[in-house]
Amino acid sequence: MDHQHLAGRFSGREHILPLRVYYEDTDFAGVVYHANYVRYLERGRSEFIRAIGASHTSLMQSATPATFVVAGLKMKFVRPARVDDCLEVFTAMQWIRGARIFTRQSIFRGNELILEATVENICVSLQGRPRRLPKWVVHRLEPHLDPALQCPKPANDDEAVTAAMAVAAE
């Protein structure tokens, strides 16, 4: 069976993942329960990295196994999504620095904005220790990074996180 249609598509540097809201995603009123948006965003990021050839499986099975953890997540709920809605998760990698990837995501129903989010992921070893992104992953991500956003060079990582979230929020 061809599952390619489940993986979404690229439009420029942005990945678009279609999904449908199921009854299990909603509360008693048929509105998407707020925590389920985190799952939708995760699916968007996962399909993005799978599409560029850096799936979670390939990362975990590489010579120096790694995975990603969410270090920061900021969501702005704009409108509710409801059972049976057809949504699209838009994922744009903003920039990378060391072990960190900063991503901007949004969810739409047609032309209607449902949610906006900024996400900071950190690459970690399977023991949970931060590690630089593997060079092969960086190489595959680079064509998808926004050239208008330059990673600031702050004095420490706390400043990097603050600066990244400010850039992403603009």
N, C-alpha and C. Protein backbone atom coordinates (compact mmCIF):
# COMPACT_ATOMS: atom_id res chain seq x y z
N MET A 1 0.84 -1.19 0.00
CA MET A 1 0.00 0.00 0.00
C MET A 1 0.88 1.25 0.00
N ASP A 2 0.53 2.22 -0.81
CA ASP A 2 1.28 3.47 -0.91
C ASP A 2 0.81 4.44 0.16
N HIS A 3 1.71 4.75 1.08
CA HIS A 3 1.38 5.67 2.18
C HIS A 3 1.93 7.07 1.94
N GLN A 4 2.43 7.32 0.74
CA GLN A 4 3.04 8.62 0.43
C GLN A 4 2.09 9.78 0.69
N HIS A 5 0.81 9.61 0.38
CA HIS A 5 -0.16 10.69 0.57
C HIS A 5 -0.34 11.05 2.04
N LEU A 6 0.01 10.14 2.96
CA LEU A 6 -0.10 10.40 4.39
C LEU A 6 1.04 11.28 4.91
N ALA A 7 2.10 11.40 4.12
CA ALA A 7 3.30 12.11 4.56
C ALA A 7 3.24 13.62 4.33
N GLY A 8 2.24 14.10 3.63
CA GLY A 8 2.16 15.53 3.35
C GLY A 8 3.00 15.91 2.15
N ARG A 9 3.26 17.22 2.04
CA ARG A 9 3.99 17.74 0.88
C ARG A 9 4.73 19.01 1.27
N PHE A 10 5.69 19.39 0.44
CA PHE A 10 6.40 20.65 0.63
C PHE A 10 5.82 21.71 -0.30
N SER A 11 5.75 22.92 0.20
CA SER A 11 5.45 24.10 -0.59
C SER A 11 6.58 25.07 -0.26
N GLY A 12 7.55 25.16 -1.14
CA GLY A 12 8.76 25.94 -0.82
C GLY A 12 9.50 25.25 0.32
N ARG A 13 9.87 26.01 1.34
CA ARG A 13 10.58 25.45 2.49
C ARG A 13 9.62 24.88 3.54
N GLU A 14 8.33 25.09 3.35
CA GLU A 14 7.33 24.71 4.35
C GLU A 14 6.70 23.36 4.04
N HIS A 15 6.56 22.54 5.05
CA HIS A 15 5.92 21.23 4.91
C HIS A 15 4.45 21.36 5.34
N ILE A 16 3.56 20.72 4.59
CA ILE A 16 2.12 20.78 4.88
C ILE A 16 1.61 19.36 5.07
N LEU A 17 1.06 19.08 6.24
CA LEU A 17 0.52 17.76 6.56
C LEU A 17 -0.98 17.84 6.73
N PRO A 18 -1.74 17.16 5.87
CA PRO A 18 -3.19 17.14 6.05
C PRO A 18 -3.58 16.14 7.15
N LEU A 19 -4.61 16.47 7.89
CA LEU A 19 -5.16 15.53 8.86
C LEU A 19 -6.63 15.81 9.10
N ARG A 20 -7.31 14.83 9.58
CA ARG A 20 -8.74 14.95 9.89
C ARG A 20 -8.92 14.85 11.40
N VAL A 21 -9.85 15.60 11.93
CA VAL A 21 -10.18 15.54 13.36
C VAL A 21 -11.16 14.38 13.56
N TYR A 22 -10.78 13.47 14.43
CA TYR A 22 -11.65 12.34 14.76
C TYR A 22 -12.36 12.59 16.08
N TYR A 23 -13.42 11.84 16.30
CA TYR A 23 -14.21 11.97 17.53
C TYR A 23 -13.32 11.83 18.76
N GLU A 24 -12.36 10.91 18.71
CA GLU A 24 -11.46 10.67 19.84
C GLU A 24 -10.61 11.89 20.20
N ASP A 25 -10.48 12.84 19.25
CA ASP A 25 -9.67 14.05 19.47
C ASP A 25 -10.45 15.15 20.21
N THR A 26 -11.74 14.94 20.40
CA THR A 26 -12.61 16.03 20.86
C THR A 26 -13.15 15.82 22.26
N ASP A 27 -13.70 16.90 22.79
CA ASP A 27 -14.40 16.83 24.07
C ASP A 27 -15.87 16.50 23.81
N PHE A 28 -16.69 16.55 24.84
CA PHE A 28 -18.11 16.17 24.70
C PHE A 28 -18.87 17.06 23.72
N ALA A 29 -18.36 18.26 23.43
CA ALA A 29 -19.04 19.18 22.53
C ALA A 29 -18.55 19.05 21.08
N GLY A 30 -17.61 18.13 20.84
CA GLY A 30 -17.10 17.95 19.49
C GLY A 30 -16.00 18.91 19.11
N VAL A 31 -15.43 19.61 20.10
CA VAL A 31 -14.32 20.55 19.88
C VAL A 31 -13.01 19.85 20.24
N VAL A 32 -11.97 20.07 19.43
CA VAL A 32 -10.67 19.44 19.70
C VAL A 32 -10.19 19.84 21.10
N TYR A 33 -9.87 18.82 21.88
CA TYR A 33 -9.30 19.03 23.21
C TYR A 33 -7.92 19.67 23.05
N HIS A 34 -7.63 20.69 23.84
CA HIS A 34 -6.43 21.52 23.63
C HIS A 34 -5.12 20.73 23.56
N ALA A 35 -4.97 19.70 24.37
CA ALA A 35 -3.72 18.93 24.38
C ALA A 35 -3.49 18.18 23.08
N ASN A 36 -4.53 17.90 22.34
CA ASN A 36 -4.37 17.16 21.09
C ASN A 36 -3.67 17.98 20.02
N TYR A 37 -3.69 19.30 20.13
CA TYR A 37 -2.96 20.13 19.17
C TYR A 37 -1.46 19.85 19.26
N VAL A 38 -0.97 19.51 20.45
CA VAL A 38 0.44 19.18 20.62
C VAL A 38 0.77 17.95 19.76
N ARG A 39 -0.14 16.98 19.73
CA ARG A 39 0.06 15.79 18.89
C ARG A 39 0.08 16.15 17.42
N TYR A 40 -0.82 17.03 17.00
CA TYR A 40 -0.86 17.44 15.60
C TYR A 40 0.45 18.12 15.20
N LEU A 41 0.96 18.98 16.08
CA LEU A 41 2.21 19.67 15.80
C LEU A 41 3.37 18.67 15.71
N GLU A 42 3.38 17.71 16.62
CA GLU A 42 4.43 16.67 16.60
C GLU A 42 4.37 15.88 15.30
N ARG A 43 3.19 15.54 14.85
CA ARG A 43 3.06 14.81 13.58
C ARG A 43 3.62 15.64 12.43
N GLY A 44 3.35 16.93 12.44
CA GLY A 44 3.88 17.82 11.39
C GLY A 44 5.39 17.83 11.38
N ARG A 45 6.02 17.97 12.56
CA ARG A 45 7.48 17.98 12.62
C ARG A 45 8.05 16.62 12.23
N SER A 46 7.42 15.54 12.68
CA SER A 46 7.90 14.19 12.36
C SER A 46 7.84 13.92 10.86
N GLU A 47 6.76 14.31 10.22
CA GLU A 47 6.64 14.08 8.78
C GLU A 47 7.61 14.97 8.00
N PHE A 48 7.89 16.17 8.53
CA PHE A 48 8.88 17.04 7.90
C PHE A 48 10.23 16.34 7.87
N ILE A 49 10.70 15.86 9.04
CA ILE A 49 12.03 15.26 9.07
C ILE A 49 12.06 13.93 8.31
N ARG A 50 10.95 13.21 8.31
CA ARG A 50 10.88 11.97 7.53
C ARG A 50 11.03 12.31 6.03
N ALA A 51 10.37 13.38 5.60
CA ALA A 51 10.39 13.78 4.19
C ALA A 51 11.78 14.20 3.71
N ILE A 52 12.62 14.69 4.62
CA ILE A 52 13.98 15.08 4.21
C ILE A 52 14.98 13.94 4.44
N GLY A 53 14.48 12.76 4.82
CA GLY A 53 15.36 11.61 4.99
C GLY A 53 16.05 11.53 6.33
N ALA A 54 15.46 12.12 7.35
CA ALA A 54 16.06 12.10 8.69
C ALA A 54 15.02 11.62 9.70
N SER A 55 14.38 10.51 9.41
CA SER A 55 13.31 10.02 10.29
C SER A 55 13.84 9.70 11.69
N HIS A 56 12.93 9.59 12.62
CA HIS A 56 13.31 9.22 13.99
C HIS A 56 14.03 7.88 14.00
N THR A 57 13.55 6.93 13.20
CA THR A 57 14.19 5.62 13.13
C THR A 57 15.62 5.73 12.64
N SER A 58 15.85 6.51 11.57
CA SER A 58 17.21 6.64 11.05
C SER A 58 18.12 7.34 12.06
N LEU A 59 17.59 8.29 12.81
CA LEU A 59 18.39 8.95 13.85
C LEU A 59 18.77 7.98 14.97
N MET A 60 17.82 7.16 15.39
CA MET A 60 18.07 6.24 16.49
C MET A 60 18.96 5.07 16.08
N GLN A 61 19.01 4.76 14.78
CA GLN A 61 19.82 3.64 14.31
C GLN A 61 21.15 4.08 13.70
N SER A 62 21.47 5.37 13.79
CA SER A 62 22.73 5.86 13.22
C SER A 62 23.91 5.45 14.10
N ALA A 63 25.11 5.71 13.62
CA ALA A 63 26.33 5.35 14.36
C ALA A 63 26.36 5.98 15.75
N THR A 64 25.85 7.21 15.86
CA THR A 64 25.73 7.87 17.16
C THR A 64 24.25 8.19 17.36
N PRO A 65 23.49 7.23 17.90
CA PRO A 65 22.03 7.37 18.00
C PRO A 65 21.61 8.65 18.72
N ALA A 66 20.52 9.22 18.20
CA ALA A 66 20.00 10.46 18.76
C ALA A 66 18.48 10.51 18.57
N THR A 67 17.87 11.42 19.28
CA THR A 67 16.45 11.70 19.13
C THR A 67 16.23 13.16 19.48
N PHE A 68 14.98 13.60 19.46
CA PHE A 68 14.66 14.98 19.79
C PHE A 68 13.73 15.03 21.00
N VAL A 69 13.90 16.07 21.79
CA VAL A 69 12.97 16.37 22.88
C VAL A 69 12.49 17.81 22.72
N VAL A 70 11.28 18.07 23.15
CA VAL A 70 10.75 19.43 23.12
C VAL A 70 11.24 20.16 24.36
N ALA A 71 11.91 21.28 24.15
CA ALA A 71 12.40 22.09 25.26
C ALA A 71 11.53 23.32 25.49
N GLY A 72 10.82 23.74 24.45
CA GLY A 72 9.95 24.90 24.57
C GLY A 72 8.82 24.82 23.57
N LEU A 73 7.64 25.22 24.00
CA LEU A 73 6.47 25.20 23.13
C LEU A 73 5.58 26.35 23.53
N LYS A 74 5.27 27.20 22.55
CA LYS A 74 4.37 28.32 22.77
C LYS A 74 3.25 28.21 21.74
N MET A 75 2.01 28.13 22.22
CA MET A 75 0.88 27.99 21.31
C MET A 75 -0.10 29.13 21.53
N LYS A 76 -0.67 29.60 20.42
CA LYS A 76 -1.72 30.61 20.47
C LYS A 76 -2.95 30.02 19.78
N PHE A 77 -4.00 29.80 20.56
CA PHE A 77 -5.23 29.26 20.02
C PHE A 77 -6.05 30.41 19.42
N VAL A 78 -6.43 30.27 18.15
CA VAL A 78 -7.14 31.33 17.45
C VAL A 78 -8.62 30.98 17.29
N ARG A 79 -8.89 29.75 16.83
CA ARG A 79 -10.27 29.27 16.63
C ARG A 79 -10.32 27.80 16.99
N PRO A 80 -11.48 27.30 17.37
CA PRO A 80 -11.57 25.87 17.67
C PRO A 80 -11.70 25.04 16.39
N ALA A 81 -11.11 23.86 16.43
CA ALA A 81 -11.34 22.87 15.38
C ALA A 81 -12.37 21.89 15.94
N ARG A 82 -13.11 21.27 15.05
CA ARG A 82 -14.21 20.39 15.48
C ARG A 82 -14.12 19.03 14.78
N VAL A 83 -14.86 18.10 15.33
CA VAL A 83 -14.89 16.74 14.78
C VAL A 83 -15.21 16.79 13.28
N ASP A 84 -14.51 15.97 12.53
CA ASP A 84 -14.62 15.84 11.07
C ASP A 84 -13.97 16.98 10.28
N ASP A 85 -13.43 18.00 10.93
CA ASP A 85 -12.71 19.05 10.20
C ASP A 85 -11.50 18.46 9.48
N CYS A 86 -11.21 18.98 8.31
CA CYS A 86 -9.98 18.68 7.59
C CYS A 86 -9.03 19.83 7.86
N LEU A 87 -7.90 19.51 8.48
CA LEU A 87 -6.92 20.51 8.86
C LEU A 87 -5.63 20.29 8.09
N GLU A 88 -4.79 21.32 8.08
CA GLU A 88 -3.44 21.21 7.54
C GLU A 88 -2.48 21.80 8.56
N VAL A 89 -1.43 21.03 8.86
CA VAL A 89 -0.38 21.48 9.77
C VAL A 89 0.78 21.98 8.91
N PHE A 90 1.10 23.26 9.04
CA PHE A 90 2.21 23.87 8.31
C PHE A 90 3.42 23.91 9.24
N THR A 91 4.56 23.42 8.75
CA THR A 91 5.79 23.36 9.56
C THR A 91 6.91 24.03 8.79
N ALA A 92 7.53 25.04 9.40
CA ALA A 92 8.67 25.73 8.80
C ALA A 92 9.81 25.75 9.80
N MET A 93 10.93 25.14 9.43
CA MET A 93 12.12 25.18 10.27
C MET A 93 12.69 26.59 10.15
N GLN A 94 12.89 27.23 11.27
CA GLN A 94 13.38 28.61 11.26
C GLN A 94 14.90 28.67 11.22
N TRP A 95 15.54 28.07 12.23
CA TRP A 95 16.99 28.04 12.26
C TRP A 95 17.47 26.99 13.24
N ILE A 96 18.76 26.64 13.12
CA ILE A 96 19.36 25.64 14.00
C ILE A 96 20.61 26.23 14.61
N ARG A 97 20.93 25.73 15.79
CA ARG A 97 22.16 26.16 16.47
C ARG A 97 22.58 25.06 17.41
N GLY A 98 23.73 24.47 17.16
CA GLY A 98 24.22 23.41 18.02
C GLY A 98 23.27 22.23 18.05
N ALA A 99 22.66 22.02 19.20
CA ALA A 99 21.71 20.92 19.39
C ALA A 99 20.27 21.37 19.17
N ARG A 100 20.04 22.65 18.94
CA ARG A 100 18.67 23.20 18.93
C ARG A 100 18.13 23.44 17.52
N ILE A 101 16.83 23.16 17.39
CA ILE A 101 16.09 23.47 16.17
C ILE A 101 14.89 24.31 16.58
N PHE A 102 14.72 25.44 15.93
CA PHE A 102 13.57 26.31 16.21
C PHE A 102 12.62 26.24 15.03
N THR A 103 11.36 26.00 15.33
CA THR A 103 10.34 25.74 14.32
C THR A 103 9.13 26.63 14.55
N ARG A 104 8.54 27.08 13.45
CA ARG A 104 7.27 27.80 13.49
C ARG A 104 6.24 26.88 12.85
N GLN A 105 5.10 26.73 13.53
CA GLN A 105 4.05 25.88 13.00
C GLN A 105 2.70 26.59 13.09
N SER A 106 1.81 26.21 12.19
CA SER A 106 0.45 26.73 12.24
C SER A 106 -0.49 25.65 11.74
N ILE A 107 -1.73 25.74 12.18
CA ILE A 107 -2.76 24.79 11.76
C ILE A 107 -3.89 25.60 11.15
N PHE A 108 -4.30 25.17 9.96
CA PHE A 108 -5.38 25.85 9.23
C PHE A 108 -6.50 24.88 8.92
N ARG A 109 -7.70 25.42 8.85
CA ARG A 109 -8.86 24.74 8.28
C ARG A 109 -9.22 25.57 7.05
N GLY A 110 -8.84 25.06 5.87
CA GLY A 110 -8.97 25.88 4.66
C GLY A 110 -8.08 27.10 4.79
N ASN A 111 -8.66 28.30 4.65
CA ASN A 111 -7.90 29.54 4.81
C ASN A 111 -8.01 30.11 6.21
N GLU A 112 -8.64 29.40 7.12
CA GLU A 112 -8.91 29.88 8.46
C GLU A 112 -7.84 29.40 9.44
N LEU A 113 -7.13 30.33 10.07
CA LEU A 113 -6.10 29.99 11.05
C LEU A 113 -6.75 29.45 12.32
N ILE A 114 -6.28 28.30 12.76
CA ILE A 114 -6.78 27.66 13.98
C ILE A 114 -5.80 27.89 15.14
N LEU A 115 -4.49 27.72 14.85
CA LEU A 115 -3.49 27.76 15.91
C LEU A 115 -2.14 28.17 15.33
N GLU A 116 -1.37 28.91 16.13
CA GLU A 116 0.02 29.25 15.79
C GLU A 116 0.91 28.73 16.91
N ALA A 117 2.11 28.27 16.56
CA ALA A 117 3.02 27.75 17.58
C ALA A 117 4.47 28.00 17.19
N THR A 118 5.30 28.13 18.21
CA THR A 118 6.75 28.11 18.04
C THR A 118 7.26 26.98 18.92
N VAL A 119 8.21 26.22 18.40
CA VAL A 119 8.70 25.04 19.10
C VAL A 119 10.22 25.04 19.08
N GLU A 120 10.81 24.73 20.22
CA GLU A 120 12.25 24.52 20.32
C GLU A 120 12.46 23.05 20.63
N ASN A 121 13.17 22.36 19.73
CA ASN A 121 13.55 20.97 19.96
C ASN A 121 15.04 20.91 20.21
N ILE A 122 15.45 19.95 21.04
CA ILE A 122 16.86 19.73 21.31
C ILE A 122 17.20 18.31 20.92
N CYS A 123 18.28 18.14 20.20
CA CYS A 123 18.79 16.83 19.84
C CYS A 123 19.50 16.27 21.08
N VAL A 124 19.17 15.03 21.43
CA VAL A 124 19.77 14.39 22.59
C VAL A 124 20.22 12.98 22.24
N SER A 125 21.19 12.48 23.01
CA SER A 125 21.59 11.08 22.89
C SER A 125 20.46 10.23 23.46
N LEU A 126 20.53 8.93 23.27
CA LEU A 126 19.49 8.06 23.81
C LEU A 126 19.54 8.01 25.33
N GLN A 127 20.60 8.56 25.92
CA GLN A 127 20.68 8.67 27.38
C GLN A 127 20.10 10.01 27.86
N GLY A 128 19.65 10.85 26.91
CA GLY A 128 19.01 12.11 27.26
C GLY A 128 19.95 13.29 27.38
N ARG A 129 21.19 13.13 26.97
CA ARG A 129 22.15 14.24 27.05
C ARG A 129 22.14 15.04 25.74
N PRO A 130 22.09 16.37 25.83
CA PRO A 130 22.12 17.19 24.61
C PRO A 130 23.37 16.88 23.79
N ARG A 131 23.19 16.87 22.48
CA ARG A 131 24.31 16.67 21.56
C ARG A 131 24.04 17.46 20.29
N ARG A 132 25.11 17.86 19.64
CA ARG A 132 24.97 18.60 18.38
C ARG A 132 24.17 17.76 17.39
N LEU A 133 23.44 18.47 16.54
CA LEU A 133 22.74 17.78 15.47
C LEU A 133 23.78 17.08 14.59
N PRO A 134 23.52 15.84 14.21
CA PRO A 134 24.47 15.17 13.30
C PRO A 134 24.61 15.99 12.01
N LYS A 135 25.83 16.01 11.47
CA LYS A 135 26.10 16.82 10.27
C LYS A 135 25.20 16.43 9.12
N TRP A 136 24.88 15.16 8.97
CA TRP A 136 24.03 14.73 7.87
C TRP A 136 22.62 15.29 8.02
N VAL A 137 22.16 15.47 9.26
CA VAL A 137 20.83 16.05 9.50
C VAL A 137 20.88 17.55 9.18
N VAL A 138 21.92 18.22 9.64
CA VAL A 138 22.08 19.65 9.35
C VAL A 138 22.09 19.87 7.85
N HIS A 139 22.84 19.03 7.13
CA HIS A 139 22.93 19.14 5.66
C HIS A 139 21.55 19.03 5.02
N ARG A 140 20.71 18.14 5.53
CA ARG A 140 19.36 17.96 4.97
C ARG A 140 18.40 19.06 5.39
N LEU A 141 18.64 19.66 6.54
CA LEU A 141 17.77 20.75 7.02
C LEU A 141 18.09 22.09 6.35
N GLU A 142 19.36 22.33 6.04
CA GLU A 142 19.79 23.64 5.55
C GLU A 142 18.95 24.20 4.40
N PRO A 143 18.58 23.42 3.39
CA PRO A 143 17.78 24.00 2.31
C PRO A 143 16.39 24.47 2.75
N HIS A 144 15.96 24.04 3.92
CA HIS A 144 14.62 24.36 4.40
C HIS A 144 14.60 25.47 5.45
N LEU A 145 15.78 25.96 5.82
CA LEU A 145 15.86 27.03 6.82
C LEU A 145 15.54 28.36 6.17
N ASP A 146 15.00 29.26 6.95
CA ASP A 146 14.64 30.59 6.44
C ASP A 146 15.90 31.45 6.39
N PRO A 147 16.37 31.81 5.19
CA PRO A 147 17.60 32.60 5.10
C PRO A 147 17.47 34.00 5.67
N ALA A 148 16.25 34.50 5.82
CA ALA A 148 16.04 35.84 6.38
C ALA A 148 16.29 35.85 7.89
N LEU A 149 16.22 34.68 8.51
CA LEU A 149 16.45 34.61 9.95
C LEU A 149 17.86 34.14 10.20
N GLN A 150 18.64 35.00 10.80
CA GLN A 150 20.00 34.63 11.15
C GLN A 150 20.03 34.32 12.63
N CYS A 151 20.64 33.22 12.96
CA CYS A 151 20.74 32.82 14.36
C CYS A 151 21.61 33.83 15.10
N PRO A 152 21.06 34.47 16.14
CA PRO A 152 21.88 35.39 16.94
C PRO A 152 22.98 34.62 17.65
N LYS A 153 24.03 35.29 17.98
CA LYS A 153 25.15 34.66 18.67
C LYS A 153 25.24 35.17 20.11
N PRO A 154 24.28 34.80 20.96
CA PRO A 154 24.30 35.28 22.34
C PRO A 154 25.40 34.62 23.16
N ALA A 155 25.61 35.17 24.34
CA ALA A 155 26.68 34.70 25.21
C ALA A 155 26.41 33.31 25.76
N ASN A 156 25.14 32.96 25.98
CA ASN A 156 24.86 31.63 26.53
C ASN A 156 23.57 31.07 25.94
N ASP A 157 23.31 29.80 26.22
CA ASP A 157 22.15 29.14 25.61
C ASP A 157 20.82 29.69 26.11
N ASP A 158 20.74 30.18 27.36
CA ASP A 158 19.49 30.77 27.82
C ASP A 158 19.14 31.99 26.98
N GLU A 159 20.15 32.78 26.64
CA GLU A 159 19.92 33.93 25.78
C GLU A 159 19.53 33.49 24.38
N ALA A 160 20.08 32.36 23.91
CA ALA A 160 19.74 31.83 22.58
C ALA A 160 18.26 31.46 22.53
N VAL A 161 17.77 30.82 23.58
CA VAL A 161 16.37 30.42 23.62
C VAL A 161 15.48 31.65 23.61
N THR A 162 15.78 32.64 24.45
CA THR A 162 15.00 33.85 24.52
C THR A 162 15.00 34.58 23.17
N ALA A 163 16.18 34.70 22.56
CA ALA A 163 16.28 35.38 21.28
C ALA A 163 15.52 34.63 20.20
N ALA A 164 15.62 33.32 20.20
CA ALA A 164 14.92 32.52 19.19
C ALA A 164 13.41 32.67 19.31
N MET A 165 12.90 32.63 20.51
CA MET A 165 11.47 32.74 20.70
C MET A 165 11.01 34.14 20.31
N ALA A 166 11.81 35.15 20.54
CA ALA A 166 11.43 36.50 20.14
C ALA A 166 11.40 36.62 18.63
N VAL A 167 12.38 36.04 17.94
CA VAL A 167 12.42 36.07 16.49
C VAL A 167 11.20 35.33 15.93
N ALA A 168 10.92 34.15 16.48
CA ALA A 168 9.82 33.33 15.98
C ALA A 168 8.47 33.99 16.22
N ALA A 169 8.36 34.80 17.27
CA ALA A 169 7.10 35.43 17.62
C ALA A 169 6.80 36.65 16.74
N GLU A 170 7.82 37.17 16.05
CA GLU A 170 7.62 38.37 15.22
C GLU A 170 6.76 38.09 14.01
